[in-house]
C-alpha cells in the first residue's frame, strides 16, 4: 500500500535535505562522511527543485525518475556504509540508516498519483 503522496514526499525531501546539511554538526561525522553528506544534500536539493511535483520549481524531472534515482542512491548508501565507512561506527550507522530511510520512503511513495489540475 502506497501511503506517501507526492506532496508529502516533497515535504520529506526538504526535511531530508536539512538533515543532510546539518548532520555533520548533529552526529559528528568524519571528514569524508561530512563531505558526502554536504554533497548529497546539495544534489538532493537540486533533484527536488527540478522534479515535476508540488515541491518542485522547475519541473524538468518526472516523479518516477526521481523515485528511481532515490532507489539507487539508497542502495549505494547502504553499500557505502559497510565498505567505505567500515570501522567508523558513527558514519557506518548514519549512512546505513539514511539508506534504509530513503528506501522506505521510496517503497511507500505513490509515484503514480498525479497533480490536481487547477484551472
PDB file of N, CA and C in Angstrom:
ATOM      1  N   UNK A   1       0.837  -1.180   0.000  1.00  0.00           N
ATOM      2  CA  UNK A   1       0.000   0.000   0.000  1.00  0.00           C
ATOM      3  C   UNK A   1       0.884   1.247   0.000  1.00  0.00           C
ATOM      4  N   UNK A   2       0.646   2.126  -0.922  1.00  0.00           N
ATOM      5  CA  UNK A   2       1.426   3.359  -1.060  1.00  0.00           C
ATOM      6  C   UNK A   2       0.775   4.449  -0.216  1.00  0.00           C
ATOM      7  N   UNK A   3       1.401   4.793   0.900  1.00  0.00           N
ATOM      8  CA  UNK A   3       0.798   5.727   1.848  1.00  0.00           C
ATOM      9  C   UNK A   3       1.304   7.159   1.709  1.00  0.00           C
ATOM     10  N   UNK A   4       2.404   7.354   1.022  1.00  0.00           N
ATOM     11  CA  UNK A   4       3.002   8.689   0.929  1.00  0.00           C
ATOM     12  C   UNK A   4       2.616   9.321  -0.404  1.00  0.00           C
ATOM     13  N   UNK A   5       1.925  10.444  -0.326  1.00  0.00           N
ATOM     14  CA  UNK A   5       1.532  11.170  -1.540  1.00  0.00           C
ATOM     15  C   UNK A   5       2.741  11.924  -2.089  1.00  0.00           C
ATOM     16  N   UNK A   6       2.710  12.302  -3.356  1.00  0.00           N
ATOM     17  CA  UNK A   6       3.811  13.104  -3.906  1.00  0.00           C
ATOM     18  C   UNK A   6       4.030  14.412  -3.138  1.00  0.00           C
ATOM     19  N   UNK A   7       2.947  15.020  -2.661  1.00  0.00           N
ATOM     20  CA  UNK A   7       3.072  16.274  -1.911  1.00  0.00           C
ATOM     21  C   UNK A   7       3.811  16.045  -0.592  1.00  0.00           C
ATOM     22  N   UNK A   8       3.447  14.969   0.116  1.00  0.00           N
ATOM     23  CA  UNK A   8       4.130  14.662   1.374  1.00  0.00           C
ATOM     24  C   UNK A   8       5.567  14.223   1.109  1.00  0.00           C
ATOM     25  N   UNK A   9       5.786  13.534  -0.009  1.00  0.00           N
ATOM     26  CA  UNK A   9       7.147  13.135  -0.392  1.00  0.00           C
ATOM     27  C   UNK A   9       8.028  14.380  -0.559  1.00  0.00           C
ATOM     28  N   UNK A  10       7.465  15.436  -1.144  1.00  0.00           N
ATOM     29  CA  UNK A  10       8.217  16.687  -1.310  1.00  0.00           C
ATOM     30  C   UNK A  10       8.610  17.257   0.048  1.00  0.00           C
ATOM     31  N   UNK A  11       7.688  17.219   1.007  1.00  0.00           N
ATOM     32  CA  UNK A  11       7.988  17.701   2.361  1.00  0.00           C
ATOM     33  C   UNK A  11       9.109  16.866   2.966  1.00  0.00           C
ATOM     34  N   UNK A  12       9.013  15.541   2.824  1.00  0.00           N
ATOM     35  CA  UNK A  12      10.055  14.656   3.350  1.00  0.00           C
ATOM     36  C   UNK A  12      11.403  14.925   2.684  1.00  0.00           C
ATOM     37  N   UNK A  13      11.389  15.220   1.393  1.00  0.00           N
ATOM     38  CA  UNK A  13      12.633  15.538   0.685  1.00  0.00           C
ATOM     39  C   UNK A  13      13.310  16.759   1.294  1.00  0.00           C
ATOM     40  N   UNK A  14      12.547  17.813   1.552  1.00  0.00           N
ATOM     41  CA  UNK A  14      13.143  19.029   2.117  1.00  0.00           C
ATOM     42  C   UNK A  14      13.620  18.810   3.556  1.00  0.00           C
ATOM     43  N   UNK A  15      12.913  17.985   4.322  1.00  0.00           N
ATOM     44  CA  UNK A  15      13.378  17.637   5.672  1.00  0.00           C
ATOM     45  C   UNK A  15      14.684  16.851   5.581  1.00  0.00           C
ATOM     46  N   UNK A  16      14.748  15.920   4.641  1.00  0.00           N
ATOM     47  CA  UNK A  16      15.958  15.122   4.440  1.00  0.00           C
ATOM     48  C   UNK A  16      17.138  16.002   4.033  1.00  0.00           C
ATOM     49  N   UNK A  17      16.890  16.981   3.184  1.00  0.00           N
ATOM     50  CA  UNK A  17      17.950  17.908   2.768  1.00  0.00           C
ATOM     51  C   UNK A  17      18.496  18.661   3.977  1.00  0.00           C
ATOM     52  N   UNK A  18      17.602  19.147   4.839  1.00  0.00           N
ATOM     53  CA  UNK A  18      18.051  19.859   6.043  1.00  0.00           C
ATOM     54  C   UNK A  18      18.839  18.935   6.961  1.00  0.00           C
ATOM     55  N   UNK A  19      18.392  17.681   7.089  1.00  0.00           N
ATOM     56  CA  UNK A  19      19.111  16.706   7.906  1.00  0.00           C
ATOM     57  C   UNK A  19      20.511  16.462   7.351  1.00  0.00           C
ATOM     58  N   UNK A  20      20.610  16.288   6.040  1.00  0.00           N
ATOM     59  CA  UNK A  20      21.919  16.046   5.430  1.00  0.00           C
ATOM     60  C   UNK A  20      22.872  17.217   5.660  1.00  0.00           C
ATOM     61  N   UNK A  21      22.372  18.433   5.509  1.00  0.00           N
ATOM     62  CA  UNK A  21      23.236  19.604   5.662  1.00  0.00           C
ATOM     63  C   UNK A  21      23.606  19.868   7.120  1.00  0.00           C
ATOM     64  N   UNK A  22      22.781  19.403   8.053  1.00  0.00           N
ATOM     65  CA  UNK A  22      23.074  19.610   9.477  1.00  0.00           C
ATOM     66  C   UNK A  22      23.725  18.391  10.127  1.00  0.00           C
ATOM     67  N   UNK A  23      23.788  17.275   9.430  1.00  0.00           N
ATOM     68  CA  UNK A  23      24.243  16.016  10.028  1.00  0.00           C
ATOM     69  C   UNK A  23      25.680  16.054  10.535  1.00  0.00           C
ATOM     70  N   UNK A  24      26.526  16.820   9.895  1.00  0.00           N
ATOM     71  CA  UNK A  24      27.918  16.914  10.340  1.00  0.00           C
ATOM     72  C   UNK A  24      27.982  17.420  11.772  1.00  0.00           C
ATOM     73  N   UNK A  25      27.231  18.466  12.058  1.00  0.00           N
ATOM     74  CA  UNK A  25      27.230  19.033  13.407  1.00  0.00           C
ATOM     75  C   UNK A  25      26.429  18.181  14.385  1.00  0.00           C
ATOM     76  N   UNK A  26      25.334  17.615  13.932  1.00  0.00           N
ATOM     77  CA  UNK A  26      24.472  16.834  14.822  1.00  0.00           C
ATOM     78  C   UNK A  26      25.132  15.526  15.238  1.00  0.00           C
ATOM     79  N   UNK A  27      25.717  14.805  14.286  1.00  0.00           N
ATOM     80  CA  UNK A  27      26.237  13.469  14.550  1.00  0.00           C
ATOM     81  C   UNK A  27      27.755  13.398  14.674  1.00  0.00           C
ATOM     82  N   UNK A  28      28.462  14.462  14.373  1.00  0.00           N
ATOM     83  CA  UNK A  28      29.916  14.443  14.454  1.00  0.00           C
ATOM     84  C   UNK A  28      30.542  13.490  13.455  1.00  0.00           C
ATOM     85  N   UNK A  29      30.140  13.603  12.215  1.00  0.00           N
ATOM     86  CA  UNK A  29      30.652  12.714  11.173  1.00  0.00           C
ATOM     87  C   UNK A  29      32.114  13.016  10.857  1.00  0.00           C
ATOM     88  N   UNK A  30      32.800  12.015  10.303  1.00  0.00           N
ATOM     89  CA  UNK A  30      34.188  12.196   9.881  1.00  0.00           C
ATOM     90  C   UNK A  30      34.238  13.150   8.691  1.00  0.00           C
ATOM     91  N   UNK A  31      35.460  13.542   8.307  1.00  0.00           N
ATOM     92  CA  UNK A  31      35.613  14.492   7.204  1.00  0.00           C
ATOM     93  C   UNK A  31      35.030  13.938   5.902  1.00  0.00           C
ATOM     94  N   UNK A  32      35.347  12.688   5.585  1.00  0.00           N
ATOM     95  CA  UNK A  32      34.840  12.070   4.357  1.00  0.00           C
ATOM     96  C   UNK A  32      33.320  11.968   4.386  1.00  0.00           C
ATOM     97  N   UNK A  33      32.782  11.526   5.513  1.00  0.00           N
ATOM     98  CA  UNK A  33      31.328  11.401   5.646  1.00  0.00           C
ATOM     99  C   UNK A  33      30.649  12.763   5.585  1.00  0.00           C
ATOM    100  N   UNK A  34      31.294  13.784   6.133  1.00  0.00           N
ATOM    101  CA  UNK A  34      30.737  15.141   6.097  1.00  0.00           C
ATOM    102  C   UNK A  34      30.681  15.683   4.675  1.00  0.00           C
ATOM    103  N   UNK A  35      31.763  15.494   3.936  1.00  0.00           N
ATOM    104  CA  UNK A  35      31.793  15.960   2.544  1.00  0.00           C
ATOM    105  C   UNK A  35      30.696  15.271   1.739  1.00  0.00           C
ATOM    106  N   UNK A  36      30.542  13.957   1.940  1.00  0.00           N
ATOM    107  CA  UNK A  36      29.497  13.216   1.235  1.00  0.00           C
ATOM    108  C   UNK A  36      28.105  13.699   1.650  1.00  0.00           C
ATOM    109  N   UNK A  37      27.908  13.982   2.933  1.00  0.00           N
ATOM    110  CA  UNK A  37      26.601  14.465   3.406  1.00  0.00           C
ATOM    111  C   UNK A  37      26.262  15.814   2.783  1.00  0.00           C
ATOM    112  N   UNK A  38      27.242  16.723   2.741  1.00  0.00           N
ATOM    113  CA  UNK A  38      27.006  18.028   2.106  1.00  0.00           C
ATOM    114  C   UNK A  38      26.706  17.862   0.611  1.00  0.00           C
ATOM    115  N   UNK A  39      27.482  17.013  -0.059  1.00  0.00           N
ATOM    116  CA  UNK A  39      27.269  16.782  -1.490  1.00  0.00           C
ATOM    117  C   UNK A  39      25.889  16.175  -1.742  1.00  0.00           C
ATOM    118  N   UNK A  40      25.511  15.189  -0.928  1.00  0.00           N
ATOM    119  CA  UNK A  40      24.190  14.578  -1.078  1.00  0.00           C
ATOM    120  C   UNK A  40      23.077  15.585  -0.819  1.00  0.00           C
ATOM    121  N   UNK A  41      23.265  16.447   0.173  1.00  0.00           N
ATOM    122  CA  UNK A  41      22.268  17.469   0.473  1.00  0.00           C
ATOM    123  C   UNK A  41      22.056  18.416  -0.692  1.00  0.00           C
ATOM    124  N   UNK A  42      23.147  18.862  -1.286  1.00  0.00           N
ATOM    125  CA  UNK A  42      23.059  19.786  -2.428  1.00  0.00           C
ATOM    126  C   UNK A  42      22.450  19.086  -3.643  1.00  0.00           C
ATOM    127  N   UNK A  43      22.913  17.867  -3.922  1.00  0.00           N
ATOM    128  CA  UNK A  43      22.393  17.119  -5.070  1.00  0.00           C
ATOM    129  C   UNK A  43      20.908  16.802  -4.883  1.00  0.00           C
ATOM    130  N   UNK A  44      20.532  16.415  -3.667  1.00  0.00           N
ATOM    131  CA  UNK A  44      19.123  16.097  -3.410  1.00  0.00           C
ATOM    132  C   UNK A  44      18.254  17.352  -3.524  1.00  0.00           C
ATOM    133  N   UNK A  45      18.790  18.489  -3.106  1.00  0.00           N
ATOM    134  CA  UNK A  45      18.066  19.752  -3.267  1.00  0.00           C
ATOM    135  C   UNK A  45      17.829  20.042  -4.747  1.00  0.00           C
ATOM    136  N   UNK A  46      18.882  19.893  -5.554  1.00  0.00           N
ATOM    137  CA  UNK A  46      18.748  20.131  -6.996  1.00  0.00           C
ATOM    138  C   UNK A  46      17.757  19.157  -7.626  1.00  0.00           C
ATOM    139  N   UNK A  47      17.810  17.896  -7.213  1.00  0.00           N
ATOM    140  CA  UNK A  47      16.872  16.896  -7.721  1.00  0.00           C
ATOM    141  C   UNK A  47      15.437  17.272  -7.351  1.00  0.00           C
ATOM    142  N   UNK A  48      15.233  17.705  -6.120  1.00  0.00           N
ATOM    143  CA  UNK A  48      13.890  18.035  -5.646  1.00  0.00           C
ATOM    144  C   UNK A  48      13.316  19.258  -6.353  1.00  0.00           C
ATOM    145  N   UNK A  49      14.104  20.314  -6.493  1.00  0.00           N
ATOM    146  CA  UNK A  49      13.570  21.526  -7.141  1.00  0.00           C
ATOM    147  C   UNK A  49      13.357  21.327  -8.640  1.00  0.00           C
ATOM    148  N   UNK A  50      13.986  20.309  -9.219  1.00  0.00           N
ATOM    149  CA  UNK A  50      13.820  20.043 -10.653  1.00  0.00           C
ATOM    150  C   UNK A  50      12.768  18.972 -10.943  1.00  0.00           C
ATOM    151  N   UNK A  51      12.126  18.431  -9.894  1.00  0.00           N
ATOM    152  CA  UNK A  51      11.147  17.361 -10.076  1.00  0.00           C
ATOM    153  C   UNK A  51       9.753  17.925 -10.317  1.00  0.00           C
ATOM    154  N   UNK A  52       9.010  17.244 -11.165  1.00  0.00           N
ATOM    155  CA  UNK A  52       7.649  17.658 -11.521  1.00  0.00           C
ATOM    156  C   UNK A  52       6.648  17.162 -10.473  1.00  0.00           C
ATOM    157  N   UNK A  53       6.649  17.819  -9.312  1.00  0.00           N
ATOM    158  CA  UNK A  53       5.659  17.583  -8.266  1.00  0.00           C
ATOM    159  C   UNK A  53       5.509  18.860  -7.463  1.00  0.00           C
ATOM    160  N   UNK A  54       4.662  18.828  -6.433  1.00  0.00           N
ATOM    161  CA  UNK A  54       4.332  20.073  -5.738  1.00  0.00           C
ATOM    162  C   UNK A  54       5.538  20.750  -5.101  1.00  0.00           C
ATOM    163  N   UNK A  55       6.574  20.011  -4.778  1.00  0.00           N
ATOM    164  CA  UNK A  55       7.762  20.603  -4.177  1.00  0.00           C
ATOM    165  C   UNK A  55       8.778  21.087  -5.183  1.00  0.00           C
ATOM    166  N   UNK A  56       8.548  20.798  -6.447  1.00  0.00           N
ATOM    167  CA  UNK A  56       9.486  21.189  -7.493  1.00  0.00           C
ATOM    168  C   UNK A  56       9.227  22.589  -8.003  1.00  0.00           C
ATOM    169  N   UNK A  57      10.272  23.220  -8.469  1.00  0.00           N
ATOM    170  CA  UNK A  57      10.160  24.572  -9.011  1.00  0.00           C
ATOM    171  C   UNK A  57      10.252  24.534 -10.534  1.00  0.00           C
ATOM    172  N   UNK A  58      11.242  23.814 -11.051  1.00  0.00           N
ATOM    173  CA  UNK A  58      11.495  23.814 -12.491  1.00  0.00           C
ATOM    174  C   UNK A  58      10.754  22.713 -13.243  1.00  0.00           C
ATOM    175  N   UNK A  59      10.389  21.632 -12.557  1.00  0.00           N
ATOM    176  CA  UNK A  59       9.570  20.542 -13.108  1.00  0.00           C
ATOM    177  C   UNK A  59      10.141  19.947 -14.400  1.00  0.00           C
ATOM    178  N   UNK A  60      11.424  19.632 -14.358  1.00  0.00           N
ATOM    179  CA  UNK A  60      12.125  19.053 -15.502  1.00  0.00           C
ATOM    180  C   UNK A  60      12.145  17.524 -15.416  1.00  0.00           C
ATOM    181  N   UNK A  61      12.290  16.993 -14.216  1.00  0.00           N
ATOM    182  CA  UNK A  61      12.450  15.556 -13.984  1.00  0.00           C
ATOM    183  C   UNK A  61      11.109  14.968 -13.558  1.00  0.00           C
ATOM    184  N   UNK A  62      10.730  13.839 -14.149  1.00  0.00           N
ATOM    185  CA  UNK A  62       9.467  13.197 -13.760  1.00  0.00           C
ATOM    186  C   UNK A  62       9.594  12.621 -12.351  1.00  0.00           C
ATOM    187  N   UNK A  63       8.453  12.480 -11.688  1.00  0.00           N
ATOM    188  CA  UNK A  63       8.449  11.930 -10.336  1.00  0.00           C
ATOM    189  C   UNK A  63       8.934  10.482 -10.338  1.00  0.00           C
ATOM    190  N   UNK A  64       8.609   9.728 -11.396  1.00  0.00           N
ATOM    191  CA  UNK A  64       9.078   8.339 -11.480  1.00  0.00           C
ATOM    192  C   UNK A  64      10.602   8.276 -11.551  1.00  0.00           C
ATOM    193  N   UNK A  65      11.212   9.139 -12.363  1.00  0.00           N
ATOM    194  CA  UNK A  65      12.672   9.170 -12.451  1.00  0.00           C
ATOM    195  C   UNK A  65      13.271   9.592 -11.117  1.00  0.00           C
ATOM    196  N   UNK A  66      12.649  10.545 -10.452  1.00  0.00           N
ATOM    197  CA  UNK A  66      13.074  10.981  -9.121  1.00  0.00           C
ATOM    198  C   UNK A  66      13.116   9.769  -8.179  1.00  0.00           C
ATOM    199  N   UNK A  67      12.058   8.959  -8.227  1.00  0.00           N
ATOM    200  CA  UNK A  67      11.991   7.773  -7.380  1.00  0.00           C
ATOM    201  C   UNK A  67      13.057   6.749  -7.717  1.00  0.00           C
ATOM    202  N   UNK A  68      13.299   6.538  -8.995  1.00  0.00           N
ATOM    203  CA  UNK A  68      14.328   5.579  -9.417  1.00  0.00           C
ATOM    204  C   UNK A  68      15.706   6.034  -8.937  1.00  0.00           C
ATOM    205  N   UNK A  69      15.978   7.321  -9.057  1.00  0.00           N
ATOM    206  CA  UNK A  69      17.257   7.863  -8.583  1.00  0.00           C
ATOM    207  C   UNK A  69      17.385   7.646  -7.084  1.00  0.00           C
ATOM    208  N   UNK A  70      16.329   7.927  -6.330  1.00  0.00           N
ATOM    209  CA  UNK A  70      16.368   7.722  -4.876  1.00  0.00           C
ATOM    210  C   UNK A  70      16.573   6.252  -4.527  1.00  0.00           C
ATOM    211  N   UNK A  71      15.968   5.349  -5.294  1.00  0.00           N
ATOM    212  CA  UNK A  71      16.144   3.923  -5.041  1.00  0.00           C
ATOM    213  C   UNK A  71      17.615   3.528  -5.158  1.00  0.00           C
ATOM    214  N   UNK A  72      18.253   3.914  -6.257  1.00  0.00           N
ATOM    215  CA  UNK A  72      19.653   3.547  -6.455  1.00  0.00           C
ATOM    216  C   UNK A  72      20.574   4.232  -5.448  1.00  0.00           C
ATOM    217  N   UNK A  73      20.267   5.461  -5.092  1.00  0.00           N
ATOM    218  CA  UNK A  73      21.066   6.164  -4.078  1.00  0.00           C
ATOM    219  C   UNK A  73      20.942   5.450  -2.734  1.00  0.00           C
ATOM    220  N   UNK A  74      19.740   5.001  -2.390  1.00  0.00           N
ATOM    221  CA  UNK A  74      19.555   4.318  -1.106  1.00  0.00           C
ATOM    222  C   UNK A  74      20.377   3.033  -1.036  1.00  0.00           C
ATOM    223  N   UNK A  75      20.387   2.271  -2.106  1.00  0.00           N
ATOM    224  CA  UNK A  75      21.183   1.039  -2.148  1.00  0.00           C
ATOM    225  C   UNK A  75      22.666   1.377  -2.041  1.00  0.00           C
ATOM    226  N   UNK A  76      23.102   2.388  -2.776  1.00  0.00           N
ATOM    227  CA  UNK A  76      24.501   2.805  -2.746  1.00  0.00           C
ATOM    228  C   UNK A  76      24.920   3.250  -1.343  1.00  0.00           C
ATOM    229  N   UNK A  77      24.053   3.963  -0.640  1.00  0.00           N
ATOM    230  CA  UNK A  77      24.387   4.432   0.708  1.00  0.00           C
ATOM    231  C   UNK A  77      24.558   3.271   1.682  1.00  0.00           C
ATOM    232  N   UNK A  78      23.711   2.261   1.572  1.00  0.00           N
ATOM    233  CA  UNK A  78      23.851   1.091   2.445  1.00  0.00           C
ATOM    234  C   UNK A  78      25.154   0.359   2.137  1.00  0.00           C
ATOM    235  N   UNK A  79      25.481   0.217   0.864  1.00  0.00           N
ATOM    236  CA  UNK A  79      26.744  -0.435   0.479  1.00  0.00           C
ATOM    237  C   UNK A  79      27.935   0.374   0.994  1.00  0.00           C
ATOM    238  N   UNK A  80      27.893   1.695   0.820  1.00  0.00           N
ATOM    239  CA  UNK A  80      28.983   2.551   1.309  1.00  0.00           C
ATOM    240  C   UNK A  80      29.133   2.464   2.821  1.00  0.00           C
ATOM    241  N   UNK A  81      28.014   2.340   3.519  1.00  0.00           N
ATOM    242  CA  UNK A  81      28.066   2.262   4.981  1.00  0.00           C
ATOM    243  C   UNK A  81      28.929   1.097   5.443  1.00  0.00           C
ATOM    244  N   UNK A  82      28.822  -0.021   4.742  1.00  0.00           N
ATOM    245  CA  UNK A  82      29.540  -1.218   5.180  1.00  0.00           C
ATOM    246  C   UNK A  82      30.836  -1.475   4.415  1.00  0.00           C
ATOM    247  N   UNK A  83      31.223  -0.546   3.544  1.00  0.00           N
ATOM    248  CA  UNK A  83      32.509  -0.675   2.849  1.00  0.00           C
ATOM    249  C   UNK A  83      33.391   0.532   3.152  1.00  0.00           C
ATOM    250  N   UNK A  84      33.059   1.675   2.604  1.00  0.00           N
ATOM    251  CA  UNK A  84      33.866   2.878   2.777  1.00  0.00           C
ATOM    252  C   UNK A  84      33.934   3.324   4.237  1.00  0.00           C
ATOM    253  N   UNK A  85      32.816   3.224   4.952  1.00  0.00           N
ATOM    254  CA  UNK A  85      32.770   3.730   6.327  1.00  0.00           C
ATOM    255  C   UNK A  85      32.930   2.639   7.376  1.00  0.00           C
ATOM    256  N   UNK A  86      33.322   1.444   6.957  1.00  0.00           N
ATOM    257  CA  UNK A  86      33.549   0.355   7.905  1.00  0.00           C
ATOM    258  C   UNK A  86      34.694   0.741   8.837  1.00  0.00           C
ATOM    259  N   UNK A  87      34.464   0.574  10.108  1.00  0.00           N
ATOM    260  CA  UNK A  87      35.479   0.929  11.098  1.00  0.00           C
ATOM    261  C   UNK A  87      35.137   2.203  11.846  1.00  0.00           C
ATOM    262  N   UNK A  88      34.329   3.071  11.249  1.00  0.00           N
ATOM    263  CA  UNK A  88      33.865   4.272  11.939  1.00  0.00           C
ATOM    264  C   UNK A  88      32.381   4.063  12.218  1.00  0.00           C
ATOM    265  N   UNK A  89      32.070   3.684  13.451  1.00  0.00           N
ATOM    266  CA  UNK A  89      30.715   3.279  13.801  1.00  0.00           C
ATOM    267  C   UNK A  89      29.684   4.377  13.559  1.00  0.00           C
ATOM    268  N   UNK A  90      30.023   5.618  13.872  1.00  0.00           N
ATOM    269  CA  UNK A  90      29.080   6.724  13.677  1.00  0.00           C
ATOM    270  C   UNK A  90      28.717   6.876  12.204  1.00  0.00           C
ATOM    271  N   UNK A  91      29.721   6.920  11.349  1.00  0.00           N
ATOM    272  CA  UNK A  91      29.484   7.065   9.908  1.00  0.00           C
ATOM    273  C   UNK A  91      28.733   5.857   9.353  1.00  0.00           C
ATOM    274  N   UNK A  92      29.140   4.676   9.802  1.00  0.00           N
ATOM    275  CA  UNK A  92      28.527   3.442   9.317  1.00  0.00           C
ATOM    276  C   UNK A  92      27.030   3.404   9.644  1.00  0.00           C
ATOM    277  N   UNK A  93      26.693   3.698  10.891  1.00  0.00           N
ATOM    278  CA  UNK A  93      25.284   3.689  11.303  1.00  0.00           C
ATOM    279  C   UNK A  93      24.510   4.797  10.597  1.00  0.00           C
ATOM    280  N   UNK A  94      25.101   5.992  10.487  1.00  0.00           N
ATOM    281  CA  UNK A  94      24.416   7.111   9.844  1.00  0.00           C
ATOM    282  C   UNK A  94      24.053   6.773   8.407  1.00  0.00           C
ATOM    283  N   UNK A  95      25.012   6.290   7.622  1.00  0.00           N
ATOM    284  CA  UNK A  95      24.742   6.024   6.210  1.00  0.00           C
ATOM    285  C   UNK A  95      23.877   4.783   6.001  1.00  0.00           C
ATOM    286  N   UNK A  96      23.993   3.788   6.876  1.00  0.00           N
ATOM    287  CA  UNK A  96      23.103   2.628   6.772  1.00  0.00           C
ATOM    288  C   UNK A  96      21.660   3.045   7.058  1.00  0.00           C
ATOM    289  N   UNK A  97      21.460   3.834   8.106  1.00  0.00           N
ATOM    290  CA  UNK A  97      20.108   4.303   8.445  1.00  0.00           C
ATOM    291  C   UNK A  97      19.565   5.251   7.381  1.00  0.00           C
ATOM    292  N   UNK A  98      20.412   6.126   6.862  1.00  0.00           N
ATOM    293  CA  UNK A  98      19.989   7.052   5.813  1.00  0.00           C
ATOM    294  C   UNK A  98      19.544   6.283   4.568  1.00  0.00           C
ATOM    295  N   UNK A  99      20.329   5.300   4.169  1.00  0.00           N
ATOM    296  CA  UNK A  99      19.973   4.484   3.013  1.00  0.00           C
ATOM    297  C   UNK A  99      18.666   3.737   3.223  1.00  0.00           C
ATOM    298  N   UNK A 100      18.490   3.167   4.415  1.00  0.00           N
ATOM    299  CA  UNK A 100      17.245   2.455   4.704  1.00  0.00           C
ATOM    300  C   UNK A 100      16.054   3.404   4.756  1.00  0.00           C
ATOM    301  N   UNK A 101      16.243   4.589   5.316  1.00  0.00           N
ATOM    302  CA  UNK A 101      15.170   5.585   5.368  1.00  0.00           C
ATOM    303  C   UNK A 101      14.722   5.984   3.961  1.00  0.00           C
ATOM    304  N   UNK A 102      15.676   6.255   3.091  1.00  0.00           N
ATOM    305  CA  UNK A 102      15.341   6.631   1.712  1.00  0.00           C
ATOM    306  C   UNK A 102      14.653   5.467   0.996  1.00  0.00           C
ATOM    307  N   UNK A 103      15.100   4.245   1.261  1.00  0.00           N
ATOM    308  CA  UNK A 103      14.474   3.063   0.655  1.00  0.00           C
ATOM    309  C   UNK A 103      13.031   2.890   1.140  1.00  0.00           C
ATOM    310  N   UNK A 104      12.787   3.128   2.420  1.00  0.00           N
ATOM    311  CA  UNK A 104      11.428   3.034   2.962  1.00  0.00           C
ATOM    312  C   UNK A 104      10.531   4.099   2.335  1.00  0.00           C
ATOM    313  N   UNK A 105      11.039   5.323   2.229  1.00  0.00           N
ATOM    314  CA  UNK A 105      10.260   6.396   1.602  1.00  0.00           C
ATOM    315  C   UNK A 105       9.958   6.039   0.146  1.00  0.00           C
ATOM    316  N   UNK A 106      10.951   5.500  -0.566  1.00  0.00           N
ATOM    317  CA  UNK A 106      10.739   5.067  -1.955  1.00  0.00           C
ATOM    318  C   UNK A 106       9.633   4.016  -2.028  1.00  0.00           C
ATOM    319  N   UNK A 107       9.684   3.043  -1.133  1.00  0.00           N
ATOM    320  CA  UNK A 107       8.727   1.940  -1.146  1.00  0.00           C
ATOM    321  C   UNK A 107       7.303   2.402  -0.851  1.00  0.00           C
ATOM    322  N   UNK A 108       7.154   3.380   0.026  1.00  0.00           N
ATOM    323  CA  UNK A 108       5.822   3.813   0.459  1.00  0.00           C
ATOM    324  C   UNK A 108       5.232   4.960  -0.359  1.00  0.00           C
ATOM    325  N   UNK A 109       5.993   5.519  -1.286  1.00  0.00           N
ATOM    326  CA  UNK A 109       5.503   6.657  -2.071  1.00  0.00           C
ATOM    327  C   UNK A 109       4.679   6.185  -3.262  1.00  0.00           C
ATOM    328  N   UNK A 110       3.563   6.877  -3.485  1.00  0.00           N
ATOM    329  CA  UNK A 110       2.692   6.607  -4.632  1.00  0.00           C
ATOM    330  C   UNK A 110       3.169   7.469  -5.801  1.00  0.00           C
ATOM    331  N   UNK A 111       4.000   6.895  -6.656  1.00  0.00           N
ATOM    332  CA  UNK A 111       4.574   7.643  -7.774  1.00  0.00           C
ATOM    333  C   UNK A 111       3.596   7.792  -8.941  1.00  0.00           C
ATOM    334  N   UNK A 112       2.472   7.101  -8.899  1.00  0.00           N
ATOM    335  CA  UNK A 112       1.508   7.166  -9.999  1.00  0.00           C
ATOM    336  C   UNK A 112       0.460   8.249  -9.791  1.00  0.00           C
ATOM    337  N   UNK A 113       0.340   8.747  -8.575  1.00  0.00           N
ATOM    338  CA  UNK A 113      -0.654   9.785  -8.304  1.00  0.00           C
ATOM    339  C   UNK A 113      -0.239  11.065  -9.015  1.00  0.00           C
ATOM    340  N   UNK A 114      -1.163  11.660  -9.724  1.00  0.00           N
ATOM    341  CA  UNK A 114      -0.835  12.869 -10.482  1.00  0.00           C
ATOM    342  C   UNK A 114      -1.250  14.115  -9.714  1.00  0.00           C
ATOM    343  N   UNK A 115      -0.699  15.234 -10.134  1.00  0.00           N
ATOM    344  CA  UNK A 115      -1.045  16.512  -9.527  1.00  0.00           C
ATOM    345  C   UNK A 115      -2.453  16.919  -9.946  1.00  0.00           C
ATOM    346  N   UNK A 116      -3.206  17.546  -9.034  1.00  0.00           N
ATOM    347  CA  UNK A 116      -4.527  18.033  -9.436  1.00  0.00           C
ATOM    348  C   UNK A 116      -4.397  19.179 -10.436  1.00  0.00           C
ATOM    349  N   UNK A 117      -5.328  19.224 -11.364  1.00  0.00           N
ATOM    350  CA  UNK A 117      -5.321  20.282 -12.372  1.00  0.00           C
ATOM    351  C   UNK A 117      -6.109  21.468 -11.830  1.00  0.00           C
ATOM    352  N   UNK A 118      -5.485  22.628 -11.814  1.00  0.00           N
ATOM    353  CA  UNK A 118      -6.139  23.841 -11.335  1.00  0.00           C
ATOM    354  C   UNK A 118      -6.371  24.745 -12.537  1.00  0.00           C
ATOM    355  N   UNK A 119      -7.615  25.067 -12.797  1.00  0.00           N
ATOM    356  CA  UNK A 119      -7.955  25.911 -13.943  1.00  0.00           C
ATOM    357  C   UNK A 119      -8.249  27.323 -13.511  1.00  0.00           C
TER     358      UNK A 119
END
